[in-house]
Amino acid sequence: MKISIILLAYIISDELYELTGNTLASFVSSEGIGDTELIIVDNASQIGGDQLSTNCDTYVRNKANLGYPKAINQGIRLASGDLVAIANNDIRVSPNWVNVTKEVFTRLPKAGSLHFRMVGYNEPFNLGDGVWDKGRELWCHGSFFVWRRKAFEKLKGPMDEGYGLGGYDDYDWQLRMRQRGFETIYTNAAGFQHKDSSTLSKLDQTERSERDEKNREYFKSKHSEYPDVMWKKKYPKQFERNWKPFP
């Protein structure tokens, strides 16, 4: 299985420049990284273009910030892998994530996406050996995950660009994927450290709140219910604390 990594970047501060460098370094040092390609979609970064363009196989530079969904779709159109990893530029991945990813997707033919244990940026990974096919929907983070190409190809467009700069788009594609018979898988056997909202926190928070509310309403217009209400009905096990890994 070949893995295409799509890294999104919007570098607007020295801190984000440093975080992006750390992200790239963690991918380069991953075990089994040789059979991968790295695609960077630069959403009009104000600084750091040199760092981005020289550390990938394919570099896309947007003249304006097109938002998360559109940037993801740009990268996917260029990806050649059987699996596609989506990554923010404020994470560090555990060294074993490639091997764990290939093992899970090989063993589970209905796996549409794989989500990893997320910890704070300076916390140890504390990895385990669990893999869950249900009951941990709440932990299916969008900061770093892997899609099976066959799964998102059936979504008639992996990311709905109607969500603009982003927000609630992850609820949307996860729901559509499940509706088509695929599963969202969670594992603590690999993980990533995340500097939470390192980019979003530097943007106008009033605009962010307004955008989130608009996208929440957009989700409801498509699927008849708000996502948080729907999740509580469809996936009540996510609120339990007795998950058991399947064989």
C-alpha atoms as a PDB file:
ATOM      1  CA  MET A   1       0.000   0.000   0.000  1.00  0.00           C
ATOM      2  CA  LYS A   2       1.332   3.399  -0.985  1.00  0.00           C
ATOM      3  CA  ILE A   3       0.518   6.347   1.279  1.00  0.00           C
ATOM      4  CA  SER A   4       0.121   9.915   0.039  1.00  0.00           C
ATOM      5  CA  ILE A   5       0.520  12.544   2.765  1.00  0.00           C
ATOM      6  CA  ILE A   6      -1.313  15.823   2.242  1.00  0.00           C
ATOM      7  CA  LEU A   7       0.007  18.545   4.524  1.00  0.00           C
ATOM      8  CA  LEU A   8      -1.926  21.810   4.772  1.00  0.00           C
ATOM      9  CA  ALA A   9      -0.075  24.970   5.698  1.00  0.00           C
ATOM     10  CA  TYR A  10      -1.056  28.559   6.414  1.00  0.00           C
ATOM     11  CA  ILE A  11       2.021  30.070   8.049  1.00  0.00           C
ATOM     12  CA  ILE A  12       1.399  33.549   9.449  1.00  0.00           C
ATOM     13  CA  SER A  13       3.828  33.679  12.386  1.00  0.00           C
ATOM     14  CA  ASP A  14       7.296  32.573  13.455  1.00  0.00           C
ATOM     15  CA  GLU A  15       5.694  30.059  15.826  1.00  0.00           C
ATOM     16  CA  LEU A  16       3.807  28.420  12.974  1.00  0.00           C
ATOM     17  CA  TYR A  17       6.994  28.361  10.900  1.00  0.00           C
ATOM     18  CA  GLU A  18       8.741  26.433  13.675  1.00  0.00           C
ATOM     19  CA  LEU A  19       5.799  24.085  14.206  1.00  0.00           C
ATOM     20  CA  THR A  20       5.678  23.312  10.490  1.00  0.00           C
ATOM     21  CA  GLY A  21       9.368  22.453  10.516  1.00  0.00           C
ATOM     22  CA  ASN A  22       8.758  20.074  13.422  1.00  0.00           C
ATOM     23  CA  THR A  23       5.874  18.453  11.532  1.00  0.00           C
ATOM     24  CA  LEU A  24       8.024  17.870   8.475  1.00  0.00           C
ATOM     25  CA  ALA A  25      10.850  16.474  10.588  1.00  0.00           C
ATOM     26  CA  SER A  26       8.539  14.003  12.314  1.00  0.00           C
ATOM     27  CA  PHE A  27       7.274  12.682   8.994  1.00  0.00           C
ATOM     28  CA  VAL A  28      10.772  12.348   7.550  1.00  0.00           C
ATOM     29  CA  SER A  29      11.911  10.323  10.573  1.00  0.00           C
ATOM     30  CA  SER A  30       8.901   7.967  10.506  1.00  0.00           C
ATOM     31  CA  GLU A  31       9.558   4.247  10.162  1.00  0.00           C
ATOM     32  CA  GLY A  32       8.720   2.899   6.708  1.00  0.00           C
ATOM     33  CA  ILE A  33       8.340   6.393   5.238  1.00  0.00           C
ATOM     34  CA  GLY A  34      10.149   5.435   2.009  1.00  0.00           C
ATOM     35  CA  ASP A  35       7.005   4.217   0.252  1.00  0.00           C
ATOM     36  CA  THR A  36       5.138   7.511   0.574  1.00  0.00           C
ATOM     37  CA  GLU A  37       4.738  10.824  -1.217  1.00  0.00           C
ATOM     38  CA  LEU A  38       4.358  14.215   0.441  1.00  0.00           C
ATOM     39  CA  ILE A  39       2.047  16.817  -1.077  1.00  0.00           C
ATOM     40  CA  ILE A  40       2.017  20.260   0.529  1.00  0.00           C
ATOM     41  CA  VAL A  41      -0.865  22.635  -0.117  1.00  0.00           C
ATOM     42  CA  ASP A  42       0.154  26.141   0.894  1.00  0.00           C
ATOM     43  CA  ASN A  43      -2.925  28.261   1.571  1.00  0.00           C
ATOM     44  CA  ALA A  44      -1.219  31.624   0.925  1.00  0.00           C
ATOM     45  CA  SER A  45       1.269  31.519   3.799  1.00  0.00           C
ATOM     46  CA  GLN A  46       2.753  34.919   4.596  1.00  0.00           C
ATOM     47  CA  ILE A  47       6.147  33.373   5.404  1.00  0.00           C
ATOM     48  CA  GLY A  48       7.772  29.977   5.046  1.00  0.00           C
ATOM     49  CA  GLY A  49       7.278  29.259   1.377  1.00  0.00           C
ATOM     50  CA  ASP A  50      10.951  28.278   1.089  1.00  0.00           C
ATOM     51  CA  GLN A  51      10.579  25.683   3.827  1.00  0.00           C
ATOM     52  CA  LEU A  52       7.461  24.222   2.245  1.00  0.00           C
ATOM     53  CA  SER A  53       8.463  24.091  -1.407  1.00  0.00           C
ATOM     54  CA  THR A  54      11.815  22.394  -0.784  1.00  0.00           C
ATOM     55  CA  ASN A  55      10.617  19.646   1.566  1.00  0.00           C
ATOM     56  CA  CYS A  56       8.002  17.770  -0.444  1.00  0.00           C
ATOM     57  CA  ASP A  57       7.388  15.816  -3.625  1.00  0.00           C
ATOM     58  CA  THR A  58       4.614  18.133  -4.828  1.00  0.00           C
ATOM     59  CA  TYR A  59       4.010  21.755  -3.819  1.00  0.00           C
ATOM     60  CA  VAL A  60       0.824  23.733  -4.464  1.00  0.00           C
ATOM     61  CA  ARG A  61       0.716  27.442  -3.707  1.00  0.00           C
ATOM     62  CA  ASN A  62      -2.636  29.222  -3.482  1.00  0.00           C
ATOM     63  CA  LYS A  63      -2.769  32.990  -3.944  1.00  0.00           C
ATOM     64  CA  ALA A  64      -5.448  33.230  -1.238  1.00  0.00           C
ATOM     65  CA  ASN A  65      -6.539  31.073   1.685  1.00  0.00           C
ATOM     66  CA  LEU A  66      -9.113  28.792   0.061  1.00  0.00           C
ATOM     67  CA  GLY A  67      -9.980  27.048   3.298  1.00  0.00           C
ATOM     68  CA  TYR A  68      -9.523  23.528   4.626  1.00  0.00           C
ATOM     69  CA  PRO A  69     -11.988  21.566   2.424  1.00  0.00           C
ATOM     70  CA  LYS A  70     -10.823  23.074  -0.872  1.00  0.00           C
ATOM     71  CA  ALA A  71      -7.158  22.610   0.021  1.00  0.00           C
ATOM     72  CA  ILE A  72      -7.742  18.964   0.945  1.00  0.00           C
ATOM     73  CA  ASN A  73      -9.506  18.365  -2.358  1.00  0.00           C
ATOM     74  CA  GLN A  74      -6.625  20.016  -4.223  1.00  0.00           C
ATOM     75  CA  GLY A  75      -4.174  17.610  -2.628  1.00  0.00           C
ATOM     76  CA  ILE A  76      -6.341  14.573  -3.220  1.00  0.00           C
ATOM     77  CA  ARG A  77      -6.544  15.288  -6.936  1.00  0.00           C
ATOM     78  CA  LEU A  78      -2.744  15.029  -7.044  1.00  0.00           C
ATOM     79  CA  ALA A  79      -2.388  12.006  -4.760  1.00  0.00           C
ATOM     80  CA  SER A  80      -1.485   8.613  -6.183  1.00  0.00           C
ATOM     81  CA  GLY A  81      -1.560   6.502  -3.018  1.00  0.00           C
ATOM     82  CA  ASP A  82      -3.948   3.717  -2.055  1.00  0.00           C
ATOM     83  CA  LEU A  83      -4.176   5.515   1.302  1.00  0.00           C
ATOM     84  CA  VAL A  84      -4.228   9.277   1.833  1.00  0.00           C
ATOM     85  CA  ALA A  85      -3.070  10.840   5.105  1.00  0.00           C
ATOM     86  CA  ILE A  86      -4.408  14.318   5.920  1.00  0.00           C
ATOM     87  CA  ALA A  87      -2.248  16.368   8.293  1.00  0.00           C
ATOM     88  CA  ASN A  88      -2.251  19.808   9.860  1.00  0.00           C
ATOM     89  CA  ASN A  89       1.072  21.628  10.183  1.00  0.00           C
ATOM     90  CA  ASP A  90       1.010  21.821  13.996  1.00  0.00           C
ATOM     91  CA  ILE A  91       1.478  18.135  14.812  1.00  0.00           C
ATOM     92  CA  ARG A  92       4.241  15.585  15.387  1.00  0.00           C
ATOM     93  CA  VAL A  93       3.511  11.966  14.509  1.00  0.00           C
ATOM     94  CA  SER A  94       4.673   8.870  16.345  1.00  0.00           C
ATOM     95  CA  PRO A  95       7.461   7.094  14.436  1.00  0.00           C
ATOM     96  CA  ASN A  96       5.412   3.910  13.898  1.00  0.00           C
ATOM     97  CA  TRP A  97       2.314   5.431  12.276  1.00  0.00           C
ATOM     98  CA  VAL A  98       3.062   4.143   8.746  1.00  0.00           C
ATOM     99  CA  ASN A  99       3.399   0.518   9.828  1.00  0.00           C
ATOM    100  CA  VAL A 100       0.314   0.706  12.052  1.00  0.00           C
ATOM    101  CA  THR A 101      -1.694   2.296   9.245  1.00  0.00           C
ATOM    102  CA  LYS A 102      -0.830  -0.401   6.711  1.00  0.00           C
ATOM    103  CA  GLU A 103      -1.542  -3.169   9.211  1.00  0.00           C
ATOM    104  CA  VAL A 104      -4.987  -1.807  10.111  1.00  0.00           C
ATOM    105  CA  PHE A 105      -6.148  -1.177   6.543  1.00  0.00           C
ATOM    106  CA  THR A 106      -4.877  -4.585   5.430  1.00  0.00           C
ATOM    107  CA  ARG A 107      -6.666  -6.378   8.254  1.00  0.00           C
ATOM    108  CA  LEU A 108      -9.928  -4.416   8.058  1.00  0.00           C
ATOM    109  CA  PRO A 109     -11.378  -4.199   4.530  1.00  0.00           C
ATOM    110  CA  LYS A 110     -14.306  -2.024   5.676  1.00  0.00           C
ATOM    111  CA  ALA A 111     -12.030   0.579   7.246  1.00  0.00           C
ATOM    112  CA  GLY A 112     -12.721   3.877   5.488  1.00  0.00           C
ATOM    113  CA  SER A 113     -10.622   6.092   7.745  1.00  0.00           C
ATOM    114  CA  LEU A 114      -8.135   5.585  10.552  1.00  0.00           C
ATOM    115  CA  HIS A 115      -7.749   7.977  13.474  1.00  0.00           C
ATOM    116  CA  PHE A 116      -4.914   8.027  16.001  1.00  0.00           C
ATOM    117  CA  ARG A 117      -4.489   8.830  19.667  1.00  0.00           C
ATOM    118  CA  MET A 118      -4.037  12.579  20.110  1.00  0.00           C
ATOM    119  CA  VAL A 119      -2.055  14.063  23.010  1.00  0.00           C
ATOM    120  CA  GLY A 120      -0.819  17.527  23.910  1.00  0.00           C
ATOM    121  CA  TYR A 121       2.145  18.862  22.002  1.00  0.00           C
ATOM    122  CA  ASN A 122       4.674  18.216  24.772  1.00  0.00           C
ATOM    123  CA  GLU A 123       3.104  15.064  26.202  1.00  0.00           C
ATOM    124  CA  PRO A 124       4.519  11.544  25.669  1.00  0.00           C
ATOM    125  CA  PHE A 125       2.668   9.378  23.136  1.00  0.00           C
ATOM    126  CA  ASN A 126       1.931   6.596  25.685  1.00  0.00           C
ATOM    127  CA  LEU A 127       0.929   4.198  22.930  1.00  0.00           C
ATOM    128  CA  GLY A 128      -1.151   1.064  23.455  1.00  0.00           C
ATOM    129  CA  ASP A 129      -2.273  -1.822  21.281  1.00  0.00           C
ATOM    130  CA  GLY A 130      -6.006  -1.181  20.915  1.00  0.00           C
ATOM    131  CA  VAL A 131      -8.011  -0.879  17.715  1.00  0.00           C
ATOM    132  CA  TRP A 132     -11.718   0.004  17.822  1.00  0.00           C
ATOM    133  CA  ASP A 133     -14.262  -0.197  15.014  1.00  0.00           C
ATOM    134  CA  LYS A 134     -17.027   1.528  16.982  1.00  0.00           C
ATOM    135  CA  GLY A 135     -17.655   3.375  20.219  1.00  0.00           C
ATOM    136  CA  ARG A 136     -14.972   6.021  19.865  1.00  0.00           C
ATOM    137  CA  GLU A 137     -16.487   8.312  17.260  1.00  0.00           C
ATOM    138  CA  LEU A 138     -15.783  11.310  19.479  1.00  0.00           C
ATOM    139  CA  TRP A 139     -12.055  10.613  19.166  1.00  0.00           C
ATOM    140  CA  CYS A 140     -11.991  10.666  15.355  1.00  0.00           C
ATOM    141  CA  HIS A 141      -9.889  13.835  15.138  1.00  0.00           C
ATOM    142  CA  GLY A 142      -9.440  15.746  11.897  1.00  0.00           C
ATOM    143  CA  SER A 143      -5.949  17.070  12.629  1.00  0.00           C
ATOM    144  CA  PHE A 144      -4.314  13.858  11.423  1.00  0.00           C
ATOM    145  CA  PHE A 145      -6.075  10.852   9.914  1.00  0.00           C
ATOM    146  CA  VAL A 146      -5.818   8.465   6.972  1.00  0.00           C
ATOM    147  CA  TRP A 147      -8.430   7.729   4.302  1.00  0.00           C
ATOM    148  CA  ARG A 148      -8.756   4.642   2.147  1.00  0.00           C
ATOM    149  CA  ARG A 149      -8.927   5.910  -1.439  1.00  0.00           C
ATOM    150  CA  LYS A 150     -11.778   3.554  -2.367  1.00  0.00           C
ATOM    151  CA  ALA A 151     -13.848   4.989   0.481  1.00  0.00           C
ATOM    152  CA  PHE A 152     -13.607   8.686  -0.325  1.00  0.00           C
ATOM    153  CA  GLU A 153     -13.995   8.033  -4.042  1.00  0.00           C
ATOM    154  CA  LYS A 154     -17.535   6.892  -3.250  1.00  0.00           C
ATOM    155  CA  LEU A 155     -18.367  10.147  -1.457  1.00  0.00           C
ATOM    156  CA  LYS A 156     -18.733  12.064  -4.752  1.00  0.00           C
ATOM    157  CA  GLY A 157     -16.153  14.531  -3.517  1.00  0.00           C
ATOM    158  CA  PRO A 158     -14.336  13.771  -0.240  1.00  0.00           C
ATOM    159  CA  MET A 159     -14.710  17.261   1.243  1.00  0.00           C
ATOM    160  CA  ASP A 160     -17.821  19.407   0.820  1.00  0.00           C
ATOM    161  CA  GLU A 161     -16.449  22.811  -0.125  1.00  0.00           C
ATOM    162  CA  GLY A 162     -19.680  24.421   1.048  1.00  0.00           C
ATOM    163  CA  TYR A 163     -18.088  24.526   4.520  1.00  0.00           C
ATOM    164  CA  GLY A 164     -15.817  27.362   3.364  1.00  0.00           C
ATOM    165  CA  LEU A 165     -12.688  27.806   5.480  1.00  0.00           C
ATOM    166  CA  GLY A 166     -13.708  24.757   7.487  1.00  0.00           C
ATOM    167  CA  GLY A 167     -15.631  23.580  10.525  1.00  0.00           C
ATOM    168  CA  TYR A 168     -18.147  20.718  10.745  1.00  0.00           C
ATOM    169  CA  ASP A 169     -16.796  19.326   7.471  1.00  0.00           C
ATOM    170  CA  ASP A 170     -15.367  16.387   9.443  1.00  0.00           C
ATOM    171  CA  TYR A 171     -18.804  15.491  10.796  1.00  0.00           C
ATOM    172  CA  ASP A 172     -20.092  15.610   7.241  1.00  0.00           C
ATOM    173  CA  TRP A 173     -17.657  13.254   5.532  1.00  0.00           C
ATOM    174  CA  GLN A 174     -17.623  10.811   8.450  1.00  0.00           C
ATOM    175  CA  LEU A 175     -21.403  10.545   8.253  1.00  0.00           C
ATOM    176  CA  ARG A 176     -21.402  10.109   4.478  1.00  0.00           C
ATOM    177  CA  MET A 177     -18.683   7.472   4.717  1.00  0.00           C
ATOM    178  CA  ARG A 178     -20.651   5.456   7.260  1.00  0.00           C
ATOM    179  CA  GLN A 179     -23.778   5.752   5.147  1.00  0.00           C
ATOM    180  CA  ARG A 180     -21.863   3.983   2.372  1.00  0.00           C
ATOM    181  CA  GLY A 181     -20.874   1.063   4.543  1.00  0.00           C
ATOM    182  CA  PHE A 182     -17.371   2.091   5.623  1.00  0.00           C
ATOM    183  CA  GLU A 183     -16.126   2.324   9.206  1.00  0.00           C
ATOM    184  CA  THR A 184     -14.127   4.958  11.043  1.00  0.00           C
ATOM    185  CA  ILE A 185     -11.401   3.159  12.983  1.00  0.00           C
ATOM    186  CA  TYR A 186      -9.641   4.476  16.074  1.00  0.00           C
ATOM    187  CA  THR A 187      -6.329   3.201  17.435  1.00  0.00           C
ATOM    188  CA  ASN A 188      -4.006   4.071  20.285  1.00  0.00           C
ATOM    189  CA  ALA A 189      -1.233   1.964  18.750  1.00  0.00           C
ATOM    190  CA  ALA A 190       0.035   5.096  16.963  1.00  0.00           C
ATOM    191  CA  GLY A 191      -0.528   8.735  17.793  1.00  0.00           C
ATOM    192  CA  PHE A 192       0.281  12.369  17.260  1.00  0.00           C
ATOM    193  CA  GLN A 193       1.098  15.387  19.372  1.00  0.00           C
ATOM    194  CA  HIS A 194      -1.042  18.416  18.580  1.00  0.00           C
ATOM    195  CA  LYS A 195      -0.557  22.109  19.272  1.00  0.00           C
ATOM    196  CA  ASP A 196      -4.294  22.704  19.379  1.00  0.00           C
ATOM    197  CA  SER A 197      -5.686  25.495  17.158  1.00  0.00           C
ATOM    198  CA  SER A 198      -2.281  27.061  16.648  1.00  0.00           C
ATOM    199  CA  THR A 199      -3.484  28.642  13.397  1.00  0.00           C
ATOM    200  CA  LEU A 200      -7.138  29.254  14.200  1.00  0.00           C
ATOM    201  CA  SER A 201      -6.285  30.976  17.470  1.00  0.00           C
ATOM    202  CA  LYS A 202      -4.475  33.692  15.508  1.00  0.00           C
ATOM    203  CA  LEU A 203      -7.514  34.503  13.390  1.00  0.00           C
ATOM    204  CA  ASP A 204     -10.464  36.751  14.237  1.00  0.00           C
ATOM    205  CA  GLN A 205     -12.421  34.776  16.860  1.00  0.00           C
ATOM    206  CA  THR A 206     -15.723  36.557  16.192  1.00  0.00           C
ATOM    207  CA  GLU A 207     -15.512  35.565  12.546  1.00  0.00           C
ATOM    208  CA  ARG A 208     -14.590  32.040  13.587  1.00  0.00           C
ATOM    209  CA  SER A 209     -17.660  31.743  15.837  1.00  0.00           C
ATOM    210  CA  GLU A 210     -19.905  33.097  13.097  1.00  0.00           C
ATOM    211  CA  ARG A 211     -18.393  30.663  10.600  1.00  0.00           C
ATOM    212  CA  ASP A 212     -18.885  27.718  12.964  1.00  0.00           C
ATOM    213  CA  GLU A 213     -22.533  28.622  13.495  1.00  0.00           C
ATOM    214  CA  LYS A 214     -23.071  29.017   9.758  1.00  0.00           C
ATOM    215  CA  ASN A 215     -21.484  25.629   9.072  1.00  0.00           C
ATOM    216  CA  ARG A 216     -23.517  23.970  11.812  1.00  0.00           C
ATOM    217  CA  GLU A 217     -26.672  25.237  10.119  1.00  0.00           C
ATOM    218  CA  TYR A 218     -25.332  24.102   6.752  1.00  0.00           C
ATOM    219  CA  PHE A 219     -24.861  20.573   8.117  1.00  0.00           C
ATOM    220  CA  LYS A 220     -28.440  20.555   9.378  1.00  0.00           C
ATOM    221  CA  SER A 221     -29.747  21.743   6.009  1.00  0.00           C
ATOM    222  CA  LYS A 222     -28.076  18.727   4.399  1.00  0.00           C
ATOM    223  CA  HIS A 223     -28.761  16.040   7.006  1.00  0.00           C
ATOM    224  CA  SER A 224     -31.892  17.296   8.865  1.00  0.00           C
ATOM    225  CA  GLU A 225     -30.268  17.401  12.326  1.00  0.00           C
ATOM    226  CA  TYR A 226     -27.402  19.187  14.006  1.00  0.00           C
ATOM    227  CA  PRO A 227     -24.284  16.991  14.080  1.00  0.00           C
ATOM    228  CA  ASP A 228     -23.889  16.864  17.865  1.00  0.00           C
ATOM    229  CA  VAL A 229     -27.550  15.852  18.258  1.00  0.00           C
ATOM    230  CA  MET A 230     -27.197  13.217  15.548  1.00  0.00           C
ATOM    231  CA  TRP A 231     -24.004  11.794  17.036  1.00  0.00           C
ATOM    232  CA  LYS A 232     -25.631  11.303  20.437  1.00  0.00           C
ATOM    233  CA  LYS A 233     -28.412   9.314  18.789  1.00  0.00           C
ATOM    234  CA  LYS A 234     -26.333   7.296  16.339  1.00  0.00           C
ATOM    235  CA  TYR A 235     -23.194   6.715  18.384  1.00  0.00           C
ATOM    236  CA  PRO A 236     -24.129   6.696  22.083  1.00  0.00           C
ATOM    237  CA  LYS A 237     -21.187   4.443  22.965  1.00  0.00           C
ATOM    238  CA  GLN A 238     -18.820   7.350  22.473  1.00  0.00           C
ATOM    239  CA  PHE A 239     -19.949   8.651  25.854  1.00  0.00           C
ATOM    240  CA  GLU A 240     -19.256   5.366  27.643  1.00  0.00           C
ATOM    241  CA  ARG A 241     -15.959   4.512  29.297  1.00  0.00           C
ATOM    242  CA  ASN A 242     -15.858   0.746  28.792  1.00  0.00           C
ATOM    243  CA  TRP A 243     -14.651   0.375  25.217  1.00  0.00           C
ATOM    244  CA  LYS A 244     -13.298  -3.024  24.287  1.00  0.00           C
ATOM    245  CA  PRO A 245     -10.955  -3.656  21.353  1.00  0.00           C
ATOM    246  CA  PHE A 246     -12.225  -6.180  18.835  1.00  0.00           C
ATOM    247  CA  PRO A 247     -10.143  -9.290  18.009  1.00  0.00           C
END
